[in-house]
Amino acid sequence: ELLFDLCKNVMELLIHTPVTKLGVNQQNTYSLNNVEER
C-alpha cells in the first residue's frame, strides 16, 4: 500500500510527465513438501 501511495503521490505531482507503459509486477515463492512434489 505504501508502494502504491508513493507512486501515486509522485506521479500526481509530475502530472505532465509523458508516460507510455505501466507494469505492476509481483513474485510469490512457495515452499513445497519436497523436490518430488515440485
Full PDB file with SEQRES, HELIX, SHEET, SSBOND, CRYST1, ORIGX, SCALE, CONECT and MASTER records, all heavy atoms in Angstrom:
SEQRES   1 A   38  GLU LEU LEU PHE ASP LEU CYS LYS ASN VAL MET GLU LEU          
SEQRES   2 A   38  LEU ILE HIS THR PRO VAL THR LYS LEU GLY VAL ASN GLN          
SEQRES   3 A   38  GLN ASN THR TYR SER LEU ASN ASN VAL GLU GLU ARG              
HELIX    1 AA1 LEU A    2  LEU A   13  1                                  12    
CRYST1    1.000    1.000    1.000  90.00  90.00  90.00 P 1           1          
ORIGX1      1.000000  0.000000  0.000000        0.00000                         
ORIGX2      0.000000  1.000000  0.000000        0.00000                         
ORIGX3      0.000000  0.000000  1.000000        0.00000                         
SCALE1      1.000000  0.000000  0.000000        0.00000                         
SCALE2      0.000000  1.000000  0.000000        0.00000                         
SCALE3      0.000000  0.000000  1.000000        0.00000                         
ATOM      1  N   GLU A   1       0.825  -1.204   0.000  1.00  0.00           N  
ATOM      2  CA  GLU A   1       0.000   0.000   0.000  1.00  0.00           C  
ATOM      3  C   GLU A   1       0.862   1.259   0.000  1.00  0.00           C  
ATOM      4  O   GLU A   1       0.571   2.225  -0.705  1.00  0.00           O  
ATOM      5  CB  GLU A   1      -0.930  -0.002   1.219  1.00  0.00           C  
ATOM      6  CG  GLU A   1      -1.959   1.122   1.194  1.00  0.00           C  
ATOM      7  CD  GLU A   1      -2.968   1.038   2.323  1.00  0.00           C  
ATOM      8  OE1 GLU A   1      -3.073  -0.042   2.948  1.00  0.00           O  
ATOM      9  OE2 GLU A   1      -3.659   2.039   2.576  1.00  0.00           O  
ATOM     10  N   LEU A   2       1.952   1.238   0.775  1.00  0.00           N  
ATOM     11  CA  LEU A   2       2.873   2.377   0.789  1.00  0.00           C  
ATOM     12  C   LEU A   2       3.524   2.566  -0.572  1.00  0.00           C  
ATOM     13  O   LEU A   2       3.751   3.693  -1.018  1.00  0.00           O  
ATOM     14  CB  LEU A   2       3.947   2.168   1.863  1.00  0.00           C  
ATOM     15  CG  LEU A   2       3.492   2.144   3.318  1.00  0.00           C  
ATOM     16  CD1 LEU A   2       4.670   1.840   4.236  1.00  0.00           C  
ATOM     17  CD2 LEU A   2       2.837   3.470   3.705  1.00  0.00           C  
ATOM     18  N   LEU A   3       3.823   1.455  -1.231  1.00  0.00           N  
ATOM     19  CA  LEU A   3       4.440   1.497  -2.554  1.00  0.00           C  
ATOM     20  C   LEU A   3       3.519   2.210  -3.549  1.00  0.00           C  
ATOM     21  O   LEU A   3       3.949   3.106  -4.292  1.00  0.00           O  
ATOM     22  CB  LEU A   3       4.718   0.067  -3.019  1.00  0.00           C  
ATOM     23  CG  LEU A   3       5.813  -0.160  -4.053  1.00  0.00           C  
ATOM     24  CD1 LEU A   3       7.180   0.147  -3.460  1.00  0.00           C  
ATOM     25  CD2 LEU A   3       5.785  -1.611  -4.528  1.00  0.00           C  
ATOM     26  N   PHE A   4       2.247   1.828  -3.547  1.00  0.00           N  
ATOM     27  CA  PHE A   4       1.278   2.446  -4.449  1.00  0.00           C  
ATOM     28  C   PHE A   4       1.035   3.910  -4.087  1.00  0.00           C  
ATOM     29  O   PHE A   4       0.918   4.765  -4.971  1.00  0.00           O  
ATOM     30  CB  PHE A   4      -0.042   1.672  -4.427  1.00  0.00           C  
ATOM     31  CG  PHE A   4      -0.003   0.380  -5.183  1.00  0.00           C  
ATOM     32  CD1 PHE A   4      -0.057  -0.835  -4.517  1.00  0.00           C  
ATOM     33  CD2 PHE A   4       0.100   0.373  -6.563  1.00  0.00           C  
ATOM     34  CE1 PHE A   4      -0.013  -2.032  -5.214  1.00  0.00           C  
ATOM     35  CE2 PHE A   4       0.135  -0.821  -7.275  1.00  0.00           C  
ATOM     36  CZ  PHE A   4       0.085  -2.024  -6.594  1.00  0.00           C  
ATOM     37  N   ASP A   5       0.951   4.200  -2.809  1.00  0.00           N  
ATOM     38  CA  ASP A   5       0.722   5.586  -2.379  1.00  0.00           C  
ATOM     39  C   ASP A   5       1.863   6.497  -2.804  1.00  0.00           C  
ATOM     40  O   ASP A   5       1.636   7.608  -3.296  1.00  0.00           O  
ATOM     41  CB  ASP A   5       0.565   5.657  -0.853  1.00  0.00           C  
ATOM     42  CG  ASP A   5      -0.788   5.160  -0.376  1.00  0.00           C  
ATOM     43  OD1 ASP A   5      -1.694   5.007  -1.218  1.00  0.00           O  
ATOM     44  OD2 ASP A   5      -0.938   4.923   0.832  1.00  0.00           O  
ATOM     45  N   LEU A   6       3.086   6.027  -2.617  1.00  0.00           N  
ATOM     46  CA  LEU A   6       4.250   6.835  -3.000  1.00  0.00           C  
ATOM     47  C   LEU A   6       4.272   7.059  -4.498  1.00  0.00           C  
ATOM     48  O   LEU A   6       4.515   8.185  -4.972  1.00  0.00           O  
ATOM     49  CB  LEU A   6       5.537   6.146  -2.540  1.00  0.00           C  
ATOM     50  CG  LEU A   6       6.840   6.877  -2.873  1.00  0.00           C  
ATOM     51  CD1 LEU A   6       6.845   8.278  -2.271  1.00  0.00           C  
ATOM     52  CD2 LEU A   6       8.045   6.075  -2.368  1.00  0.00           C  
ATOM     53  N   CYS A   7       4.004   6.007  -5.266  1.00  0.00           N  
ATOM     54  CA  CYS A   7       3.973   6.133  -6.724  1.00  0.00           C  
ATOM     55  C   CYS A   7       2.911   7.138  -7.159  1.00  0.00           C  
ATOM     56  O   CYS A   7       3.172   8.018  -7.989  1.00  0.00           O  
ATOM     57  CB  CYS A   7       3.710   4.771  -7.353  1.00  0.00           C  
ATOM     58  SG  CYS A   7       3.686   4.798  -9.157  1.00  0.00           S  
ATOM     59  N   LYS A   8       1.723   7.024  -6.597  1.00  0.00           N  
ATOM     60  CA  LYS A   8       0.619   7.923  -6.953  1.00  0.00           C  
ATOM     61  C   LYS A   8       0.950   9.370  -6.592  1.00  0.00           C  
ATOM     62  O   LYS A   8       0.715  10.289  -7.383  1.00  0.00           O  
ATOM     63  CB  LYS A   8      -0.660   7.476  -6.254  1.00  0.00           C  
ATOM     64  CG  LYS A   8      -1.896   8.297  -6.580  1.00  0.00           C  
ATOM     65  CD  LYS A   8      -3.130   7.618  -6.005  1.00  0.00           C  
ATOM     66  CE  LYS A   8      -4.384   8.464  -6.221  1.00  0.00           C  
ATOM     67  NZ  LYS A   8      -4.434   9.624  -5.320  1.00  0.00           N  
ATOM     68  N   ASN A   9       1.513   9.588  -5.412  1.00  0.00           N  
ATOM     69  CA  ASN A   9       1.850  10.951  -4.988  1.00  0.00           C  
ATOM     70  C   ASN A   9       2.880  11.588  -5.913  1.00  0.00           C  
ATOM     71  O   ASN A   9       2.750  12.761  -6.299  1.00  0.00           O  
ATOM     72  CB  ASN A   9       2.391  10.932  -3.556  1.00  0.00           C  
ATOM     73  CG  ASN A   9       1.311  10.659  -2.529  1.00  0.00           C  
ATOM     74  OD1 ASN A   9       0.131  10.907  -2.775  1.00  0.00           O  
ATOM     75  ND2 ASN A   9       1.706  10.132  -1.380  1.00  0.00           N  
ATOM     76  N   VAL A  10       3.908  10.811  -6.277  1.00  0.00           N  
ATOM     77  CA  VAL A  10       4.960  11.322  -7.159  1.00  0.00           C  
ATOM     78  C   VAL A  10       4.390  11.656  -8.529  1.00  0.00           C  
ATOM     79  O   VAL A  10       4.634  12.750  -9.073  1.00  0.00           O  
ATOM     80  CB  VAL A  10       6.105  10.301  -7.287  1.00  0.00           C  
ATOM     81  CG1 VAL A  10       7.058  10.704  -8.420  1.00  0.00           C  
ATOM     82  CG2 VAL A  10       6.865  10.189  -5.976  1.00  0.00           C  
ATOM     83  N   MET A  11       3.610  10.744  -9.098  1.00  0.00           N  
ATOM     84  CA  MET A  11       3.123  10.957 -10.463  1.00  0.00           C  
ATOM     85  C   MET A  11       2.021  12.018 -10.524  1.00  0.00           C  
ATOM     86  O   MET A  11       1.854  12.667 -11.561  1.00  0.00           O  
ATOM     87  CB  MET A  11       2.641   9.636 -11.064  1.00  0.00           C  
ATOM     88  CG  MET A  11       3.752   8.586 -11.228  1.00  0.00           C  
ATOM     89  SD  MET A  11       5.294   9.219 -11.984  1.00  0.00           S  
ATOM     90  CE  MET A  11       4.687   9.766 -13.581  1.00  0.00           C  
ATOM     91  N   GLU A  12       1.271  12.202  -9.451  1.00  0.00           N  
ATOM     92  CA  GLU A  12       0.291  13.302  -9.434  1.00  0.00           C  
ATOM     93  C   GLU A  12       0.996  14.644  -9.430  1.00  0.00           C  
ATOM     94  O   GLU A  12       0.509  15.610 -10.028  1.00  0.00           O  
ATOM     95  CB  GLU A  12      -0.623  13.171  -8.214  1.00  0.00           C  
ATOM     96  CG  GLU A  12      -1.710  12.125  -8.376  1.00  0.00           C  
ATOM     97  CD  GLU A  12      -2.652  12.058  -7.192  1.00  0.00           C  
ATOM     98  OE1 GLU A  12      -2.261  12.505  -6.085  1.00  0.00           O  
ATOM     99  OE2 GLU A  12      -3.767  11.539  -7.362  1.00  0.00           O  
ATOM    100  N   LEU A  13       2.141  14.722  -8.767  1.00  0.00           N  
ATOM    101  CA  LEU A  13       2.903  15.970  -8.774  1.00  0.00           C  
ATOM    102  C   LEU A  13       3.573  16.186 -10.130  1.00  0.00           C  
ATOM    103  O   LEU A  13       3.695  17.327 -10.601  1.00  0.00           O  
ATOM    104  CB  LEU A  13       3.956  15.937  -7.662  1.00  0.00           C  
ATOM    105  CG  LEU A  13       4.670  17.258  -7.385  1.00  0.00           C  
ATOM    106  CD1 LEU A  13       3.690  18.355  -6.990  1.00  0.00           C  
ATOM    107  CD2 LEU A  13       5.714  17.076  -6.281  1.00  0.00           C  
ATOM    108  N   LEU A  14       3.972  15.094 -10.758  1.00  0.00           N  
ATOM    109  CA  LEU A  14       4.609  15.166 -12.081  1.00  0.00           C  
ATOM    110  C   LEU A  14       3.590  14.825 -13.166  1.00  0.00           C  
ATOM    111  O   LEU A  14       3.867  14.070 -14.099  1.00  0.00           O  
ATOM    112  CB  LEU A  14       5.790  14.195 -12.144  1.00  0.00           C  
ATOM    113  CG  LEU A  14       6.877  14.377 -11.082  1.00  0.00           C  
ATOM    114  CD1 LEU A  14       7.955  13.304 -11.218  1.00  0.00           C  
ATOM    115  CD2 LEU A  14       7.513  15.766 -11.176  1.00  0.00           C  
ATOM    116  N   ILE A  15       2.407  15.396 -13.044  1.00  0.00           N  
ATOM    117  CA  ILE A  15       1.253  15.004 -13.860  1.00  0.00           C  
ATOM    118  C   ILE A  15       1.473  15.235 -15.354  1.00  0.00           C  
ATOM    119  O   ILE A  15       0.814  14.599 -16.187  1.00  0.00           O  
ATOM    120  CB  ILE A  15      -0.015  15.744 -13.385  1.00  0.00           C  
ATOM    121  CG1 ILE A  15      -1.282  15.069 -13.910  1.00  0.00           C  
ATOM    122  CG2 ILE A  15       0.063  17.221 -13.746  1.00  0.00           C  
ATOM    123  CD1 ILE A  15      -1.560  13.718 -13.333  1.00  0.00           C  
ATOM    124  N   HIS A  16       2.398  16.124 -15.714  1.00  0.00           N  
ATOM    125  CA  HIS A  16       2.626  16.414 -17.141  1.00  0.00           C  
ATOM    126  C   HIS A  16       3.765  15.571 -17.731  1.00  0.00           C  
ATOM    127  O   HIS A  16       4.133  15.758 -18.901  1.00  0.00           O  
ATOM    128  CB  HIS A  16       2.918  17.899 -17.336  1.00  0.00           C  
ATOM    129  CG  HIS A  16       1.785  18.794 -16.920  1.00  0.00           C  
ATOM    130  ND1 HIS A  16       0.557  18.764 -17.551  1.00  0.00           N  
ATOM    131  CD2 HIS A  16       1.689  19.711 -15.916  1.00  0.00           C  
ATOM    132  CE1 HIS A  16      -0.254  19.636 -16.975  1.00  0.00           C  
ATOM    133  NE2 HIS A  16       0.402  20.219 -15.981  1.00  0.00           N  
ATOM    134  N   THR A  17       4.285  14.649 -16.961  1.00  0.00           N  
ATOM    135  CA  THR A  17       5.341  13.763 -17.460  1.00  0.00           C  
ATOM    136  C   THR A  17       4.780  12.816 -18.519  1.00  0.00           C  
ATOM    137  O   THR A  17       3.767  12.157 -18.280  1.00  0.00           O  
ATOM    138  CB  THR A  17       5.936  12.929 -16.307  1.00  0.00           C  
ATOM    139  OG1 THR A  17       6.487  13.817 -15.331  1.00  0.00           O  
ATOM    140  CG2 THR A  17       7.011  11.987 -16.823  1.00  0.00           C  
ATOM    141  N   PRO A  18       5.407  12.738 -19.693  1.00  0.00           N  
ATOM    142  CA  PRO A  18       4.946  11.774 -20.709  1.00  0.00           C  
ATOM    143  C   PRO A  18       5.190  10.337 -20.230  1.00  0.00           C  
ATOM    144  O   PRO A  18       6.316   9.986 -19.876  1.00  0.00           O  
ATOM    145  CB  PRO A  18       5.817  12.106 -21.933  1.00  0.00           C  
ATOM    146  CG  PRO A  18       6.381  13.469 -21.674  1.00  0.00           C  
ATOM    147  CD  PRO A  18       6.517  13.579 -20.185  1.00  0.00           C  
ATOM    148  N   VAL A  19       4.144   9.539 -20.196  1.00  0.00           N  
ATOM    149  CA  VAL A  19       4.275   8.124 -19.818  1.00  0.00           C  
ATOM    150  C   VAL A  19       3.555   7.278 -20.849  1.00  0.00           C  
ATOM    151  O   VAL A  19       2.533   7.675 -21.398  1.00  0.00           O  
ATOM    152  CB  VAL A  19       3.720   7.848 -18.405  1.00  0.00           C  
ATOM    153  CG1 VAL A  19       4.574   8.535 -17.344  1.00  0.00           C  
ATOM    154  CG2 VAL A  19       2.273   8.297 -18.284  1.00  0.00           C  
ATOM    155  N   THR A  20       4.079   6.084 -21.120  1.00  0.00           N  
ATOM    156  CA  THR A  20       3.502   5.243 -22.169  1.00  0.00           C  
ATOM    157  C   THR A  20       3.126   3.841 -21.704  1.00  0.00           C  
ATOM    158  O   THR A  20       2.231   3.217 -22.261  1.00  0.00           O  
ATOM    159  CB  THR A  20       4.485   5.098 -23.344  1.00  0.00           C  
ATOM    160  OG1 THR A  20       5.722   4.537 -22.858  1.00  0.00           O  
ATOM    161  CG2 THR A  20       4.763   6.461 -23.984  1.00  0.00           C  
ATOM    162  N   LYS A  21       3.814   3.338 -20.672  1.00  0.00           N  
ATOM    163  CA  LYS A  21       3.561   1.957 -20.240  1.00  0.00           C  
ATOM    164  C   LYS A  21       3.654   1.869 -18.718  1.00  0.00           C  
ATOM    165  O   LYS A  21       4.410   2.607 -18.086  1.00  0.00           O  
ATOM    166  CB  LYS A  21       4.564   0.982 -20.862  1.00  0.00           C  
ATOM    167  CG  LYS A  21       4.596   1.005 -22.389  1.00  0.00           C  
ATOM    168  CD  LYS A  21       5.662   0.044 -22.917  1.00  0.00           C  
ATOM    169  CE  LYS A  21       5.872   0.213 -24.417  1.00  0.00           C  
ATOM    170  NZ  LYS A  21       4.669  -0.102 -25.178  1.00  0.00           N  
ATOM    171  N   LEU A  22       2.894   0.927 -18.179  1.00  0.00           N  
ATOM    172  CA  LEU A  22       2.923   0.654 -16.749  1.00  0.00           C  
ATOM    173  C   LEU A  22       2.949  -0.853 -16.533  1.00  0.00           C  
ATOM    174  O   LEU A  22       2.185  -1.596 -17.175  1.00  0.00           O  
ATOM    175  CB  LEU A  22       1.688   1.250 -16.062  1.00  0.00           C  
ATOM    176  CG  LEU A  22       1.367   0.754 -14.638  1.00  0.00           C  
ATOM    177  CD1 LEU A  22       2.440   1.225 -13.657  1.00  0.00           C  
ATOM    178  CD2 LEU A  22      -0.011   1.226 -14.205  1.00  0.00           C  
ATOM    179  N   GLY A  23       3.801  -1.305 -15.629  1.00  0.00           N  
ATOM    180  CA  GLY A  23       3.814  -2.704 -15.238  1.00  0.00           C  
ATOM    181  C   GLY A  23       3.705  -2.822 -13.726  1.00  0.00           C  
ATOM    182  O   GLY A  23       4.474  -2.194 -13.000  1.00  0.00           O  
ATOM    183  N   VAL A  24       2.710  -3.566 -13.269  1.00  0.00           N  
ATOM    184  CA  VAL A  24       2.582  -3.859 -11.841  1.00  0.00           C  
ATOM    185  C   VAL A  24       2.948  -5.327 -11.673  1.00  0.00           C  
ATOM    186  O   VAL A  24       2.229  -6.208 -12.153  1.00  0.00           O  
ATOM    187  CB  VAL A  24       1.156  -3.576 -11.323  1.00  0.00           C  
ATOM    188  CG1 VAL A  24       1.067  -3.906  -9.831  1.00  0.00           C  
ATOM    189  CG2 VAL A  24       0.769  -2.119 -11.579  1.00  0.00           C  
ATOM    190  N   ASN A  25       4.075  -5.564 -11.048  1.00  0.00           N  
ATOM    191  CA  ASN A  25       4.651  -6.904 -11.025  1.00  0.00           C  
ATOM    192  C   ASN A  25       4.668  -7.480  -9.607  1.00  0.00           C  
ATOM    193  O   ASN A  25       4.877  -6.752  -8.632  1.00  0.00           O  
ATOM    194  CB  ASN A  25       6.079  -6.864 -11.564  1.00  0.00           C  
ATOM    195  CG  ASN A  25       6.161  -6.154 -12.897  1.00  0.00           C  
ATOM    196  OD1 ASN A  25       5.402  -6.449 -13.813  1.00  0.00           O  
ATOM    197  ND2 ASN A  25       7.073  -5.190 -13.006  1.00  0.00           N  
ATOM    198  N   GLN A  26       4.452  -8.776  -9.531  1.00  0.00           N  
ATOM    199  CA  GLN A  26       4.504  -9.458  -8.238  1.00  0.00           C  
ATOM    200  C   GLN A  26       5.155 -10.821  -8.411  1.00  0.00           C  
ATOM    201  O   GLN A  26       4.992 -11.473  -9.448  1.00  0.00           O  
ATOM    202  CB  GLN A  26       3.110  -9.621  -7.644  1.00  0.00           C  
ATOM    203  CG  GLN A  26       3.101 -10.220  -6.238  1.00  0.00           C  
ATOM    204  CD  GLN A  26       1.724 -10.197  -5.596  1.00  0.00           C  
ATOM    205  OE1 GLN A  26       0.895  -9.329  -5.884  1.00  0.00           O  
ATOM    206  NE2 GLN A  26       1.460 -11.148  -4.718  1.00  0.00           N  
ATOM    207  N   GLN A  27       5.881 -11.227  -7.392  1.00  0.00           N  
ATOM    208  CA  GLN A  27       6.532 -12.540  -7.406  1.00  0.00           C  
ATOM    209  C   GLN A  27       6.293 -13.220  -6.064  1.00  0.00           C  
ATOM    210  O   GLN A  27       6.580 -12.642  -5.012  1.00  0.00           O  
ATOM    211  CB  GLN A  27       8.028 -12.389  -7.660  1.00  0.00           C  
ATOM    212  CG  GLN A  27       8.763 -13.699  -7.845  1.00  0.00           C  
ATOM    213  CD  GLN A  27      10.232 -13.487  -8.149  1.00  0.00           C  
ATOM    214  OE1 GLN A  27      11.054 -13.392  -7.237  1.00  0.00           O  
ATOM    215  NE2 GLN A  27      10.569 -13.399  -9.432  1.00  0.00           N  
ATOM    216  N   ASN A  28       5.737 -14.415  -6.102  1.00  0.00           N  
ATOM    217  CA  ASN A  28       5.499 -15.221  -4.904  1.00  0.00           C  
ATOM    218  C   ASN A  28       6.309 -16.503  -4.984  1.00  0.00           C  
ATOM    219  O   ASN A  28       6.263 -17.197  -5.996  1.00  0.00           O  
ATOM    220  CB  ASN A  28       4.012 -15.599  -4.776  1.00  0.00           C  
ATOM    221  CG  ASN A  28       3.135 -14.435  -4.394  1.00  0.00           C  
ATOM    222  OD1 ASN A  28       3.600 -13.304  -4.242  1.00  0.00           O  
ATOM    223  ND2 ASN A  28       1.852 -14.698  -4.225  1.00  0.00           N  
ATOM    224  N   THR A  29       7.024 -16.816  -3.932  1.00  0.00           N  
ATOM    225  CA  THR A  29       7.752 -18.079  -3.844  1.00  0.00           C  
ATOM    226  C   THR A  29       7.108 -18.947  -2.770  1.00  0.00           C  
ATOM    227  O   THR A  29       6.901 -18.493  -1.641  1.00  0.00           O  
ATOM    228  CB  THR A  29       9.233 -17.844  -3.521  1.00  0.00           C  
ATOM    229  OG1 THR A  29       9.839 -17.097  -4.587  1.00  0.00           O  
ATOM    230  CG2 THR A  29       9.974 -19.170  -3.370  1.00  0.00           C  
ATOM    231  N   TYR A  30       6.786 -20.183  -3.154  1.00  0.00           N  
ATOM    232  CA  TYR A  30       6.105 -21.104  -2.245  1.00  0.00           C  
ATOM    233  C   TYR A  30       7.030 -22.276  -1.919  1.00  0.00           C  
ATOM    234  O   TYR A  30       7.775 -22.749  -2.777  1.00  0.00           O  
ATOM    235  CB  TYR A  30       4.832 -21.661  -2.883  1.00  0.00           C  
ATOM    236  CG  TYR A  30       3.743 -20.631  -3.096  1.00  0.00           C  
ATOM    237  CD1 TYR A  30       3.753 -19.808  -4.219  1.00  0.00           C  
ATOM    238  CD2 TYR A  30       2.696 -20.495  -2.183  1.00  0.00           C  
ATOM    239  CE1 TYR A  30       2.755 -18.870  -4.422  1.00  0.00           C  
ATOM    240  CE2 TYR A  30       1.690 -19.563  -2.386  1.00  0.00           C  
ATOM    241  CZ  TYR A  30       1.732 -18.751  -3.506  1.00  0.00           C  
ATOM    242  OH  TYR A  30       0.740 -17.816  -3.704  1.00  0.00           O  
ATOM    243  N   SER A  31       6.939 -22.737  -0.677  1.00  0.00           N  
ATOM    244  CA  SER A  31       7.687 -23.911  -0.247  1.00  0.00           C  
ATOM    245  C   SER A  31       6.789 -25.140  -0.343  1.00  0.00           C  
ATOM    246  O   SER A  31       5.711 -25.177   0.252  1.00  0.00           O  
ATOM    247  CB  SER A  31       8.176 -23.724   1.195  1.00  0.00           C  
ATOM    248  OG  SER A  31       8.835 -24.878   1.649  1.00  0.00           O  
ATOM    249  N   LEU A  32       7.237 -26.150  -1.108  1.00  0.00           N  
ATOM    250  CA  LEU A  32       6.506 -27.410  -1.212  1.00  0.00           C  
ATOM    251  C   LEU A  32       7.112 -28.428  -0.248  1.00  0.00           C  
ATOM    252  O   LEU A  32       8.122 -28.162   0.408  1.00  0.00           O  
ATOM    253  CB  LEU A  32       6.547 -27.918  -2.651  1.00  0.00           C  
ATOM    254  CG  LEU A  32       6.005 -26.939  -3.706  1.00  0.00           C  
ATOM    255  CD1 LEU A  32       6.029 -27.572  -5.080  1.00  0.00           C  
ATOM    256  CD2 LEU A  32       4.614 -26.464  -3.365  1.00  0.00           C  
ATOM    257  N   ASN A  33       6.506 -29.579  -0.154  1.00  0.00           N  
ATOM    258  CA  ASN A  33       6.949 -30.570   0.833  1.00  0.00           C  
ATOM    259  C   ASN A  33       8.318 -31.158   0.504  1.00  0.00           C  
ATOM    260  O   ASN A  33       9.114 -31.445   1.387  1.00  0.00           O  
ATOM    261  CB  ASN A  33       5.927 -31.696   0.953  1.00  0.00           C  
ATOM    262  CG  ASN A  33       4.627 -31.213   1.577  1.00  0.00           C  
ATOM    263  OD1 ASN A  33       4.637 -30.353   2.456  1.00  0.00           O  
ATOM    264  ND2 ASN A  33       3.505 -31.748   1.114  1.00  0.00           N  
ATOM    265  N   ASN A  34       8.587 -31.319  -0.794  1.00  0.00           N  
ATOM    266  CA  ASN A  34       9.861 -31.913  -1.199  1.00  0.00           C  
ATOM    267  C   ASN A  34      10.082 -31.648  -2.678  1.00  0.00           C  
ATOM    268  O   ASN A  34       9.195 -31.127  -3.380  1.00  0.00           O  
ATOM    269  CB  ASN A  34       9.883 -33.413  -0.913  1.00  0.00           C  
ATOM    270  CG  ASN A  34       8.622 -34.106  -1.396  1.00  0.00           C  
ATOM    271  OD1 ASN A  34       8.280 -34.038  -2.567  1.00  0.00           O  
ATOM    272  ND2 ASN A  34       7.915 -34.765  -0.479  1.00  0.00           N  
ATOM    273  N   VAL A  35      11.257 -32.012  -3.177  1.00  0.00           N  
ATOM    274  CA  VAL A  35      11.586 -31.756  -4.574  1.00  0.00           C  
ATOM    275  C   VAL A  35      10.733 -32.610  -5.504  1.00  0.00           C  
ATOM    276  O   VAL A  35      10.429 -32.196  -6.642  1.00  0.00           O  
ATOM    277  CB  VAL A  35      13.096 -31.988  -4.821  1.00  0.00           C  
ATOM    278  CG1 VAL A  35      13.448 -33.463  -4.680  1.00  0.00           C  
ATOM    279  CG2 VAL A  35      13.518 -31.453  -6.171  1.00  0.00           C  
ATOM    280  N   GLU A  36      10.312 -33.781  -5.048  1.00  0.00           N  
ATOM    281  CA  GLU A  36       9.451 -34.636  -5.873  1.00  0.00           C  
ATOM    282  C   GLU A  36       8.113 -33.947  -6.142  1.00  0.00           C  
ATOM    283  O   GLU A  36       7.563 -34.034  -7.248  1.00  0.00           O  
ATOM    284  CB  GLU A  36       9.218 -35.980  -5.187  1.00  0.00           C  
ATOM    285  CG  GLU A  36      10.416 -36.922  -5.179  1.00  0.00           C  
ATOM    286  CD  GLU A  36      11.473 -36.530  -4.173  1.00  0.00           C  
ATOM    287  OE1 GLU A  36      11.133 -35.765  -3.237  1.00  0.00           O  
ATOM    288  OE2 GLU A  36      12.631 -36.966  -4.306  1.00  0.00           O  
ATOM    289  N   GLU A  37       7.595 -33.265  -5.141  1.00  0.00           N  
ATOM    290  CA  GLU A  37       6.335 -32.544  -5.321  1.00  0.00           C  
ATOM    291  C   GLU A  37       6.505 -31.386  -6.297  1.00  0.00           C  
ATOM    292  O   GLU A  37       5.634 -31.125  -7.117  1.00  0.00           O  
ATOM    293  CB  GLU A  37       5.839 -32.032  -3.972  1.00  0.00           C  
ATOM    294  CG  GLU A  37       4.384 -31.579  -3.995  1.00  0.00           C  
ATOM    295  CD  GLU A  37       3.851 -31.295  -2.609  1.00  0.00           C  
ATOM    296  OE1 GLU A  37       4.330 -30.337  -1.972  1.00  0.00           O  
ATOM    297  OE2 GLU A  37       2.950 -32.033  -2.166  1.00  0.00           O  
ATOM    298  N   ARG A  38       7.652 -30.711  -6.214  1.00  0.00           N  
ATOM    299  CA  ARG A  38       7.934 -29.640  -7.166  1.00  0.00           C  
ATOM    300  C   ARG A  38       8.014 -30.185  -8.586  1.00  0.00           C  
ATOM    301  O   ARG A  38       7.472 -29.607  -9.531  1.00  0.00           O  
ATOM    302  CB  ARG A  38       9.245 -28.944  -6.797  1.00  0.00           C  
ATOM    303  CG  ARG A  38       9.514 -27.673  -7.614  1.00  0.00           C  
ATOM    304  CD  ARG A  38      10.984 -27.367  -7.671  1.00  0.00           C  
ATOM    305  NE  ARG A  38      11.712 -28.351  -8.456  1.00  0.00           N  
ATOM    306  CZ  ARG A  38      13.021 -28.354  -8.607  1.00  0.00           C  
ATOM    307  NH1 ARG A  38      13.768 -27.457  -7.999  1.00  0.00           N  
ATOM    308  NH2 ARG A  38      13.614 -29.279  -9.360  1.00  0.00           N  
TER     309      ARG A  38                                                      
MASTER        0    0    0    1    0    0    0    6  308    1    0    3          
END                                                                             
